[in-house]
C-alpha atoms as a PDB file:
ATOM      1  CA  MET A   1     153.686-100.798 -41.277  1.00  0.00           C
ATOM      2  CA  SER A   2     151.105 -98.290 -42.405  1.00  0.00           C
ATOM      3  CA  GLU A   3     148.822-100.514 -44.504  1.00  0.00           C
ATOM      4  CA  THR A   4     145.543-101.786 -43.147  1.00  0.00           C
ATOM      5  CA  VAL A   5     144.060-105.217 -43.724  1.00  0.00           C
ATOM      6  CA  CYS A   6     141.250-103.813 -45.899  1.00  0.00           C
ATOM      7  CA  ASP A   7     143.724-101.974 -48.148  1.00  0.00           C
ATOM      8  CA  PRO A   8     143.896-103.738 -51.572  1.00  0.00           C
ATOM      9  CA  LEU A   9     147.581-102.836 -51.844  1.00  0.00           C
ATOM     10  CA  PHE A  10     148.270-104.465 -48.476  1.00  0.00           C
ATOM     11  CA  GLU A  11     146.418-107.635 -49.508  1.00  0.00           C
ATOM     12  CA  LYS A  12     148.287-107.837 -52.807  1.00  0.00           C
ATOM     13  CA  ARG A  13     151.640-107.351 -51.073  1.00  0.00           C
ATOM     14  CA  GLU A  14     150.818-110.188 -48.677  1.00  0.00           C
ATOM     15  CA  LYS A  15     149.923-112.574 -51.490  1.00  0.00           C
ATOM     16  CA  LEU A  16     153.078-111.721 -53.408  1.00  0.00           C
ATOM     17  CA  VAL A  17     155.440-111.967 -50.475  1.00  0.00           C
ATOM     18  CA  MET A  18     154.144-115.373 -49.399  1.00  0.00           C
ATOM     19  CA  ARG A  19     155.389-116.781 -52.699  1.00  0.00           C
ATOM     20  CA  LEU A  20     158.895-116.146 -51.374  1.00  0.00           C
ATOM     21  CA  MET A  21     158.422-118.180 -48.208  1.00  0.00           C
ATOM     22  CA  PRO A  22     159.844-121.488 -49.563  1.00  0.00           C
ATOM     23  CA  TYR A  23     162.912-119.634 -50.843  1.00  0.00           C
ATOM     24  CA  VAL A  24     163.717-117.789 -47.612  1.00  0.00           C
ATOM     25  CA  GLN A  25     163.122-120.941 -45.577  1.00  0.00           C
ATOM     26  CA  LYS A  26     165.882-122.657 -47.539  1.00  0.00           C
ATOM     27  CA  ASN A  27     168.189-119.705 -48.205  1.00  0.00           C
ATOM     28  CA  GLY A  28     167.324-116.816 -45.899  1.00  0.00           C
ATOM     29  CA  PHE A  29     167.110-113.186 -46.996  1.00  0.00           C
ATOM     30  CA  SER A  30     170.764-112.231 -47.417  1.00  0.00           C
ATOM     31  CA  SER A  31     171.194-114.115 -50.704  1.00  0.00           C
ATOM     32  CA  LEU A  32     167.904-112.886 -52.186  1.00  0.00           C
ATOM     33  CA  LYS A  33     168.316-110.604 -55.210  1.00  0.00           C
ATOM     34  CA  MET A  34     165.514-108.358 -56.402  1.00  0.00           C
ATOM     35  CA  ASP A  35     165.574-110.083 -59.801  1.00  0.00           C
ATOM     36  CA  ASP A  36     165.030-113.406 -58.041  1.00  0.00           C
ATOM     37  CA  ALA A  37     162.304-111.927 -55.842  1.00  0.00           C
ATOM     38  CA  ALA A  38     160.368-110.825 -58.928  1.00  0.00           C
ATOM     39  CA  LYS A  39     160.871-114.265 -60.451  1.00  0.00           C
ATOM     40  CA  TYR A  40     159.500-116.104 -57.413  1.00  0.00           C
ATOM     41  CA  MET A  41     156.613-113.658 -57.134  1.00  0.00           C
ATOM     42  CA  ASP A  42     155.891-114.385 -60.809  1.00  0.00           C
ATOM     43  CA  ILE A  43     155.720-110.710 -61.743  1.00  0.00           C
ATOM     44  CA  SER A  44     157.947-108.325 -63.662  1.00  0.00           C
ATOM     45  CA  LYS A  45     160.581-106.362 -61.795  1.00  0.00           C
ATOM     46  CA  PRO A  46     158.900-102.979 -62.561  1.00  0.00           C
ATOM     47  CA  THR A  47     155.621-104.358 -61.222  1.00  0.00           C
ATOM     48  CA  MET A  48     157.343-105.633 -58.101  1.00  0.00           C
ATOM     49  CA  TYR A  49     158.729-102.174 -57.388  1.00  0.00           C
ATOM     50  CA  LYS A  50     155.180-100.854 -57.330  1.00  0.00           C
ATOM     51  CA  TYR A  51     154.649-102.935 -54.213  1.00  0.00           C
ATOM     52  CA  PHE A  52     158.119-103.112 -52.635  1.00  0.00           C
ATOM     53  CA  ALA A  53     160.735-100.381 -52.770  1.00  0.00           C
ATOM     54  CA  SER A  54     163.519-102.600 -51.424  1.00  0.00           C
ATOM     55  CA  LYS A  55     164.461-106.033 -50.157  1.00  0.00           C
ATOM     56  CA  THR A  56     164.083-104.684 -46.635  1.00  0.00           C
ATOM     57  CA  GLU A  57     160.421-103.920 -47.332  1.00  0.00           C
ATOM     58  CA  ILE A  58     159.962-107.462 -48.596  1.00  0.00           C
ATOM     59  CA  ALA A  59     161.519-108.872 -45.421  1.00  0.00           C
ATOM     60  CA  GLU A  60     159.421-106.587 -43.223  1.00  0.00           C
ATOM     61  CA  CYS A  61     156.209-107.594 -44.959  1.00  0.00           C
ATOM     62  CA  LEU A  62     156.933-111.319 -44.763  1.00  0.00           C
ATOM     63  CA  ILE A  63     158.049-111.317 -41.138  1.00  0.00           C
ATOM     64  CA  ASP A  64     155.154-109.055 -40.097  1.00  0.00           C
ATOM     65  CA  LYS A  65     152.760-111.528 -41.688  1.00  0.00           C
ATOM     66  CA  PHE A  66     154.370-114.423 -39.900  1.00  0.00           C
ATOM     67  CA  VAL A  67     154.384-112.590 -36.565  1.00  0.00           C
ATOM     68  CA  ILE A  68     150.641-112.017 -36.918  1.00  0.00           C
ATOM     69  CA  TYR A  69     150.152-115.694 -37.808  1.00  0.00           C
ATOM     70  CA  VAL A  70     152.112-116.871 -34.761  1.00  0.00           C
ATOM     71  CA  SER A  71     150.551-114.325 -32.401  1.00  0.00           C
ATOM     72  CA  ASN A  72     146.987-115.043 -33.467  1.00  0.00           C
ATOM     73  CA  GLN A  73     146.358-118.385 -35.125  1.00  0.00           C
ATOM     74  CA  MET A  74     149.207-120.429 -33.650  1.00  0.00           C
ATOM     75  CA  LEU A  75     148.671-119.066 -30.169  1.00  0.00           C
ATOM     76  CA  ALA A  76     144.995-119.988 -30.444  1.00  0.00           C
ATOM     77  CA  GLU A  77     145.959-123.540 -31.491  1.00  0.00           C
ATOM     78  CA  ALA A  78     147.920-124.140 -28.285  1.00  0.00           C
ATOM     79  CA  PRO A  79     145.979-126.295 -25.802  1.00  0.00           C
ATOM     80  CA  PRO A  80     144.774-124.507 -22.675  1.00  0.00           C
ATOM     81  CA  THR A  81     146.240-125.289 -19.287  1.00  0.00           C
ATOM     82  CA  LEU A  82     144.744-128.347 -17.625  1.00  0.00           C
ATOM     83  CA  SER A  83     142.747-127.593 -14.495  1.00  0.00           C
ATOM     84  CA  SER A  84     140.141-130.305 -13.841  1.00  0.00           C
ATOM     85  CA  GLU A  85     141.333-132.771 -11.215  1.00  0.00           C
ATOM     86  CA  PRO A  86     141.344-136.188 -12.927  1.00  0.00           C
ATOM     87  CA  LEU A  87     139.795-139.343 -11.505  1.00  0.00           C
ATOM     88  CA  SER A  88     142.094-141.859  -9.836  1.00  0.00           C
ATOM     89  CA  GLN A  89     141.249-144.257 -12.663  1.00  0.00           C
ATOM     90  CA  PRO A  90     140.891-142.429 -15.973  1.00  0.00           C
ATOM     91  CA  SER A  91     137.615-142.655 -17.817  1.00  0.00           C
ATOM     92  CA  ALA A  92     137.486-143.099 -21.595  1.00  0.00           C
ATOM     93  CA  GLU A  93     136.503-139.433 -21.922  1.00  0.00           C
ATOM     94  CA  GLU A  94     139.488-138.315 -19.860  1.00  0.00           C
ATOM     95  CA  LEU A  95     141.902-140.472 -21.823  1.00  0.00           C
ATOM     96  CA  LYS A  96     140.592-138.983 -25.045  1.00  0.00           C
ATOM     97  CA  PHE A  97     140.739-135.430 -23.717  1.00  0.00           C
ATOM     98  CA  TYR A  98     144.302-135.570 -22.390  1.00  0.00           C
ATOM     99  CA  ASN A  99     145.706-137.435 -25.383  1.00  0.00           C
ATOM    100  CA  GLU A 100     143.988-135.134 -27.888  1.00  0.00           C
ATOM    101  CA  SER A 101     145.323-132.062 -26.086  1.00  0.00           C
ATOM    102  CA  PHE A 102     148.821-133.565 -26.188  1.00  0.00           C
ATOM    103  CA  ALA A 103     148.441-134.193 -29.925  1.00  0.00           C
ATOM    104  CA  GLN A 104     147.385-130.559 -30.308  1.00  0.00           C
ATOM    105  CA  ALA A 105     150.546-129.400 -28.532  1.00  0.00           C
ATOM    106  CA  PHE A 106     152.738-131.738 -30.576  1.00  0.00           C
ATOM    107  CA  LYS A 107     151.268-130.513 -33.872  1.00  0.00           C
ATOM    108  CA  LEU A 108     151.900-126.894 -32.952  1.00  0.00           C
ATOM    109  CA  THR A 109     155.487-127.560 -31.901  1.00  0.00           C
ATOM    110  CA  ILE A 110     156.383-129.254 -35.179  1.00  0.00           C
ATOM    111  CA  LYS A 111     154.543-126.569 -37.149  1.00  0.00           C
ATOM    112  CA  LEU A 112     156.790-123.924 -35.609  1.00  0.00           C
ATOM    113  CA  SER A 113     159.824-126.032 -36.500  1.00  0.00           C
ATOM    114  CA  PHE A 114     158.685-126.537 -40.090  1.00  0.00           C
ATOM    115  CA  TYR A 115     158.075-122.873 -40.877  1.00  0.00           C
ATOM    116  CA  LEU A 116     160.989-121.454 -38.901  1.00  0.00           C
ATOM    117  CA  THR A 117     163.958-123.251 -40.371  1.00  0.00           C
ATOM    118  CA  ASP A 118     167.439-122.906 -38.901  1.00  0.00           C
ATOM    119  CA  VAL A 119     168.613-121.216 -42.097  1.00  0.00           C
ATOM    120  CA  LEU A 120     165.842-118.622 -41.953  1.00  0.00           C
ATOM    121  CA  LEU A 121     166.314-117.838 -38.258  1.00  0.00           C
ATOM    122  CA  GLN A 122     170.108-117.605 -38.386  1.00  0.00           C
ATOM    123  CA  ASP A 123     170.105-115.496 -41.529  1.00  0.00           C
ATOM    124  CA  LEU A 124     167.343-113.227 -40.214  1.00  0.00           C
ATOM    125  CA  ASN A 125     169.242-112.678 -36.970  1.00  0.00           C
ATOM    126  CA  GLY A 126     172.351-111.639 -38.897  1.00  0.00           C
ATOM    127  CA  THR A 127     170.659-109.623 -41.647  1.00  0.00           C
ATOM    128  CA  TYR A 128     167.662-108.036 -39.920  1.00  0.00           C
ATOM    129  CA  PRO A 129     168.165-108.386 -36.143  1.00  0.00           C
ATOM    130  CA  ASP A 130     165.199-106.129 -35.332  1.00  0.00           C
ATOM    131  CA  LEU A 131     162.860-108.341 -37.360  1.00  0.00           C
ATOM    132  CA  TYR A 132     164.388-111.422 -35.763  1.00  0.00           C
ATOM    133  CA  ALA A 133     163.713-110.014 -32.288  1.00  0.00           C
ATOM    134  CA  LYS A 134     160.112-109.256 -33.252  1.00  0.00           C
ATOM    135  CA  LEU A 135     159.558-112.779 -34.541  1.00  0.00           C
ATOM    136  CA  ALA A 136     161.355-114.362 -31.589  1.00  0.00           C
ATOM    137  CA  GLN A 137     159.097-112.493 -29.167  1.00  0.00           C
ATOM    138  CA  ALA A 138     155.958-113.855 -30.863  1.00  0.00           C
ATOM    139  CA  VAL A 139     157.359-117.396 -30.907  1.00  0.00           C
ATOM    140  CA  GLU A 140     158.319-117.125 -27.236  1.00  0.00           C
ATOM    141  CA  LEU A 141     154.731-116.274 -26.267  1.00  0.00           C
ATOM    142  CA  CYS A 142     153.566-119.368 -28.106  1.00  0.00           C
ATOM    143  CA  LYS A 143     156.179-121.552 -26.421  1.00  0.00           C
ATOM    144  CA  ASN A 144     155.275-120.096 -23.027  1.00  0.00           C
ATOM    145  CA  LYS A 145     151.677-121.198 -23.533  1.00  0.00           C
ATOM    146  CA  LEU A 146     152.827-124.679 -24.522  1.00  0.00           C
ATOM    147  CA  ALA A 147     155.106-124.848 -21.477  1.00  0.00           C
ATOM    148  CA  ASP A 148     152.210-123.791 -19.224  1.00  0.00           C
ATOM    149  CA  TYR A 149     150.140-126.633 -20.667  1.00  0.00           C
ATOM    150  CA  PHE A 150     152.792-129.227 -19.772  1.00  0.00           C
ATOM    151  CA  VAL A 151     153.338-127.754 -16.311  1.00  0.00           C
ATOM    152  CA  SER A 152     149.610-128.008 -15.624  1.00  0.00           C
ATOM    153  CA  GLY A 153     149.613-131.666 -16.731  1.00  0.00           C
ATOM    154  CA  ILE A 154     152.513-132.352 -14.390  1.00  0.00           C
ATOM    155  CA  ALA A 155     150.634-130.708 -11.494  1.00  0.00           C
ATOM    156  CA  LEU A 156     147.687-133.069 -12.114  1.00  0.00           C
ATOM    157  CA  SER A 157     150.013-136.106 -12.246  1.00  0.00           C
ATOM    158  CA  VAL A 158     148.929-136.869 -15.803  1.00  0.00           C
ATOM    159  CA  PHE A 159     152.426-136.093 -17.121  1.00  0.00           C
ATOM    160  CA  TYR A 160     155.784-137.117 -15.713  1.00  0.00           C
ATOM    161  CA  PRO A 161     157.686-134.231 -14.049  1.00  0.00           C
ATOM    162  CA  ILE A 162     159.563-133.321 -17.202  1.00  0.00           C
ATOM    163  CA  ASN A 163     161.225-130.019 -17.954  1.00  0.00           C
ATOM    164  CA  ALA A 164     158.750-128.491 -20.414  1.00  0.00           C
ATOM    165  CA  ARG A 165     161.363-126.317 -22.114  1.00  0.00           C
ATOM    166  CA  ILE A 166     163.697-129.267 -22.657  1.00  0.00           C
ATOM    167  CA  TYR A 167     160.784-131.250 -24.097  1.00  0.00           C
ATOM    168  CA  LEU A 168     159.921-128.462 -26.567  1.00  0.00           C
ATOM    169  CA  THR A 169     163.574-128.160 -27.600  1.00  0.00           C
ATOM    170  CA  GLN A 170     163.838-131.907 -28.035  1.00  0.00           C
ATOM    171  CA  VAL A 171     160.803-132.042 -30.326  1.00  0.00           C
ATOM    172  CA  ASP A 172     162.124-129.102 -32.345  1.00  0.00           C
ATOM    173  CA  LEU A 173     165.582-130.618 -32.869  1.00  0.00           C
ATOM    174  CA  VAL A 174     164.435-134.155 -33.648  1.00  0.00           C
ATOM    175  CA  PHE A 175     161.677-133.027 -36.005  1.00  0.00           C
ATOM    176  CA  ARG A 176     164.171-130.995 -38.023  1.00  0.00           C
ATOM    177  CA  LYS A 177     166.343-134.115 -38.306  1.00  0.00           C
ATOM    178  CA  LEU A 178     163.399-136.225 -39.470  1.00  0.00           C
ATOM    179  CA  LEU A 179     162.877-133.851 -42.414  1.00  0.00           C
ATOM    180  CA  ASP A 180     166.308-134.754 -43.809  1.00  0.00           C
ATOM    181  CA  PRO A 181     165.712-137.194 -46.707  1.00  0.00           C
ATOM    182  CA  LYS A 182     169.335-138.365 -46.657  1.00  0.00           C
ATOM    183  CA  TRP A 183     169.101-139.338 -43.005  1.00  0.00           C
ATOM    184  CA  LEU A 184     165.799-141.151 -43.593  1.00  0.00           C
ATOM    185  CA  MET A 185     167.335-143.067 -46.489  1.00  0.00           C
ATOM    186  CA  LEU A 186     170.319-144.128 -44.380  1.00  0.00           C
ATOM    187  CA  GLN A 187     167.937-145.376 -41.688  1.00  0.00           C
ATOM    188  CA  ASN A 188     165.807-147.149 -44.307  1.00  0.00           C
ATOM    189  CA  ILE A 189     162.665-145.537 -42.935  1.00  0.00           C
ATOM    190  CA  THR A 190     159.879-143.458 -44.463  1.00  0.00           C
ATOM    191  CA  MET A 191     159.105-139.992 -43.185  1.00  0.00           C
ATOM    192  CA  LYS A 192     155.656-141.065 -41.986  1.00  0.00           C
ATOM    193  CA  GLN A 193     157.063-143.997 -40.029  1.00  0.00           C
ATOM    194  CA  ALA A 194     159.735-141.764 -38.517  1.00  0.00           C
ATOM    195  CA  LEU A 195     157.135-139.180 -37.462  1.00  0.00           C
ATOM    196  CA  MET A 196     154.812-141.831 -36.038  1.00  0.00           C
ATOM    197  CA  ASP A 197     157.605-143.504 -34.074  1.00  0.00           C
ATOM    198  CA  PHE A 198     158.768-140.149 -32.774  1.00  0.00           C
ATOM    199  CA  TYR A 199     155.244-139.155 -31.727  1.00  0.00           C
ATOM    200  CA  LYS A 200     154.736-142.447 -29.875  1.00  0.00           C
ATOM    201  CA  THR A 201     158.120-142.026 -28.165  1.00  0.00           C
ATOM    202  CA  MET A 202     157.185-138.544 -26.975  1.00  0.00           C
ATOM    203  CA  LYS A 203     153.845-139.787 -25.608  1.00  0.00           C
ATOM    204  CA  HIS A 204     155.578-142.514 -23.603  1.00  0.00           C
ATOM    205  CA  GLN A 205     158.096-139.972 -22.386  1.00  0.00           C
ATOM    206  CA  VAL A 206     155.428-137.534 -21.196  1.00  0.00           C
ATOM    207  CA  PHE A 207     152.435-139.565 -19.962  1.00  0.00           C
ATOM    208  CA  TYR A 208     152.150-141.715 -16.900  1.00  0.00           C
ATOM    209  CA  GLU A 209     151.232-145.141 -18.228  1.00  0.00           C
ATOM    210  CA  LYS A 210     147.636-145.212 -17.026  1.00  0.00           C
ATOM    211  CA  TRP A 211     146.921-141.965 -18.897  1.00  0.00           C
ATOM    212  CA  LEU A 212     148.403-143.169 -22.166  1.00  0.00           C
ATOM    213  CA  ASP A 213     146.057-143.907 -25.074  1.00  0.00           C
ATOM    214  CA  GLU A 214     147.760-146.117 -27.669  1.00  0.00           C
ATOM    215  CA  ASP A 215     145.301-145.234 -30.445  1.00  0.00           C
ATOM    216  CA  ASN A 216     147.364-143.024 -32.778  1.00  0.00           C
ATOM    217  CA  SER A 217     145.224-143.390 -35.911  1.00  0.00           C
ATOM    218  CA  ALA A 218     144.235-139.707 -35.942  1.00  0.00           C
ATOM    219  CA  MET A 219     147.886-138.654 -35.925  1.00  0.00           C
ATOM    220  CA  GLY A 220     148.605-141.078 -38.742  1.00  0.00           C
ATOM    221  CA  LEU A 221     146.047-139.258 -40.885  1.00  0.00           C
ATOM    222  CA  TYR A 222     147.504-135.912 -39.800  1.00  0.00           C
ATOM    223  CA  PHE A 223     151.010-136.965 -40.833  1.00  0.00           C
ATOM    224  CA  ASP A 224     149.679-138.071 -44.237  1.00  0.00           C
ATOM    225  CA  LYS A 225     148.288-134.565 -44.777  1.00  0.00           C
ATOM    226  CA  LEU A 226     151.441-132.947 -43.410  1.00  0.00           C
ATOM    227  CA  ILE A 227     153.746-134.866 -45.741  1.00  0.00           C
ATOM    228  CA  THR A 228     151.515-134.192 -48.745  1.00  0.00           C
ATOM    229  CA  GLY A 229     151.534-130.498 -47.865  1.00  0.00           C
ATOM    230  CA  MET A 230     155.321-130.472 -47.517  1.00  0.00           C
ATOM    231  CA  ARG A 231     155.785-132.010 -50.937  1.00  0.00           C
ATOM    232  CA  SER A 232     153.437-129.565 -52.622  1.00  0.00           C
ATOM    233  CA  TYR A 233     155.084-126.733 -50.683  1.00  0.00           C
ATOM    234  CA  ASP A 234     158.452-127.564 -52.238  1.00  0.00           C
END
């Protein structure tokens, strides 16, 4: 795209297009009409056409913004590979460090799952395959960094010898299921409890027992914020 970050038109387009994110997450792009796009942007249709000539331009702007977000901010949020050889008996500082880095990886994995819904990805692949490929490439770089983190933990014998890619896929699939209110109701469980139980399960699956810190209070606070954000996002 030809706009630059300091261009007022570019900044306005970004603000407008982000108002469509909840819609395309639930419905994709193929069903989006220009009348609806103007409605969700909260502007008139003539005004919208001053910023976007077509639905394709809207899709390009939104996916470009998300690619930048994944490539920059999300990639920076991924924990670095582990390199310091741990003590035979973990110190309190080591326990905190390894468990906090795991929490960091877990948060990023579920963030990817939340923003990139199945509906959005499948529809994007069918409607705008070039944009899908661009987004998939950015996401893959992020997942590669996460996989490298787990491989490094395995090499230090902090983590069990799991398949990092299977772990990431497992978190993605289960997290998507935990967002289903009907499923939660059938299980008679709140979303926070489901997320906490899932997080604890993943820790026990990944860590050797002596490296496991059972204090999950920080993640409890994180899930409170996450759920509040989800509800306001809807």
